[in-house]
Amino acid sequence: MKINKLSDTSKALQSSISLEGATTEDVTNYGCIDMTVLFNGNVYIFEFKVNKTKSGINGKTLQQIKDRNYADKYQARNEPIHLIGVEFSKNNRNIVGFEVETV
């Protein structure tokens, strides 16, 4: 499967893991979460970025989740919320950065 857009990446991930509780393009008051997974008493919030820099890493993916307060939507669940930023390199089409923080 050829992936042309970042939203295609999150949709491909959801279909490949076939997980109940996975939502792509999860709408919030602050923007759109690329993918949210509710699993085993935990909330996983994913943000995916394709980077065009030579190094392939910009380190801003996790920060976007925090800046847009994406976790707020799930605070009332009283479950651990894991913020996960994944960066892909446009040049080598691979994951080049991965950050996780639990709130």
Protein backbone atom coordinates (compact mmCIF):
# COMPACT_ATOMS: atom_id res chain seq x y z
CA MET A 1 0.00 0.00 0.00
CA LYS A 2 1.41 3.37 -0.99
CA ILE A 3 0.88 6.10 1.61
CA ASN A 4 0.62 9.62 0.23
CA LYS A 5 -0.60 11.67 3.20
CA LEU A 6 -0.02 11.61 6.91
CA SER A 7 -3.70 10.92 7.59
CA ASP A 8 -3.27 7.83 5.40
CA THR A 9 -0.53 6.71 7.81
CA SER A 10 -2.83 6.79 10.82
CA LYS A 11 -5.60 5.04 8.89
CA ALA A 12 -3.17 2.35 7.73
CA LEU A 13 -1.98 1.84 11.30
CA GLN A 14 -5.53 1.51 12.59
CA SER A 15 -6.47 -1.04 9.94
CA SER A 16 -3.26 -3.01 10.42
CA ILE A 17 -3.66 -3.32 14.19
CA SER A 18 -7.43 -3.80 13.94
CA LEU A 19 -7.92 -2.65 17.51
CA GLU A 20 -11.26 -1.85 19.06
CA GLY A 21 -11.02 1.51 20.76
CA ALA A 22 -8.73 3.02 18.12
CA THR A 23 -9.91 6.32 16.64
CA THR A 24 -8.13 8.16 13.84
CA GLU A 25 -8.54 11.90 13.35
CA ASP A 26 -10.06 12.21 16.82
CA VAL A 27 -11.64 15.67 17.01
CA THR A 28 -11.12 17.87 20.08
CA ASN A 29 -11.85 21.52 20.87
CA TYR A 30 -8.19 22.25 20.16
CA GLY A 31 -7.60 20.35 16.94
CA CYS A 32 -7.51 16.82 15.62
CA ILE A 33 -5.56 13.99 17.27
CA ASP A 34 -4.00 11.72 14.63
CA MET A 35 -4.89 8.57 16.53
CA THR A 36 -6.25 7.71 19.98
CA VAL A 37 -6.24 4.19 21.37
CA LEU A 38 -8.23 3.21 24.47
CA PHE A 39 -6.78 -0.08 25.67
CA ASN A 40 -6.50 -2.00 28.92
CA GLY A 41 -7.34 0.96 31.16
CA ASN A 42 -4.96 3.34 29.37
CA VAL A 43 -5.33 6.15 26.85
CA TYR A 44 -2.71 6.43 24.10
CA ILE A 45 -2.63 9.67 22.10
CA PHE A 46 -0.53 9.54 18.93
CA GLU A 47 0.72 12.40 16.78
CA PHE A 48 2.50 11.55 13.52
CA LYS A 49 4.75 13.93 11.59
CA VAL A 50 6.65 13.59 8.34
CA ASN A 51 9.84 15.61 8.54
CA LYS A 52 11.61 17.11 5.57
CA THR A 53 14.81 18.17 7.36
CA LYS A 54 18.11 16.51 6.48
CA SER A 55 18.46 15.01 9.94
CA GLY A 56 14.82 13.92 9.77
CA ILE A 57 14.17 14.84 13.40
CA ASN A 58 12.60 18.08 14.62
CA GLY A 59 11.43 17.03 18.10
CA LYS A 60 8.17 19.00 17.90
CA THR A 61 5.69 16.17 17.57
CA LEU A 62 5.19 15.48 21.29
CA GLN A 63 5.15 19.23 21.96
CA GLN A 64 2.18 19.64 19.59
CA ILE A 65 0.15 17.17 21.68
CA LYS A 66 0.90 19.25 24.79
CA ASP A 67 0.41 22.65 23.14
CA ARG A 68 -3.02 21.68 21.82
CA ASN A 69 -4.10 20.11 25.11
CA TYR A 70 -5.19 16.91 23.41
CA ALA A 71 -5.14 14.98 26.71
CA ASP A 72 -7.88 17.20 28.16
CA LYS A 73 -10.53 15.25 26.27
CA TYR A 74 -9.68 12.10 28.25
CA GLN A 75 -8.86 13.49 31.73
CA ALA A 76 -12.31 12.54 33.13
CA ARG A 77 -11.59 8.85 32.48
CA ASN A 78 -9.11 8.87 35.38
CA GLU A 79 -6.81 6.52 33.47
CA PRO A 80 -3.13 6.96 32.61
CA ILE A 81 -2.74 9.02 29.44
CA HIS A 82 0.31 8.35 27.28
CA LEU A 83 1.34 11.02 24.78
CA ILE A 84 3.26 9.52 21.87
CA GLY A 85 4.97 11.54 19.16
CA VAL A 86 6.23 9.63 16.13
CA GLU A 87 8.37 11.28 13.45
CA PHE A 88 8.93 9.84 10.00
CA SER A 89 11.64 10.83 7.54
CA LYS A 90 10.33 11.82 4.14
CA ASN A 91 13.64 10.79 2.60
CA ASN A 92 14.10 7.29 3.98
CA ARG A 93 10.41 6.62 4.80
CA ASN A 94 11.14 5.28 8.24
CA ILE A 95 10.59 6.26 11.86
CA VAL A 96 13.38 8.61 12.92
CA GLY A 97 12.00 9.96 16.18
CA PHE A 98 9.80 8.60 18.93
CA GLU A 99 8.90 10.34 22.20
CA VAL A 100 6.58 9.18 24.98
CA GLU A 101 5.33 10.98 28.06
CA THR A 102 2.70 9.85 30.57
CA VAL A 103 0.43 12.43 32.18
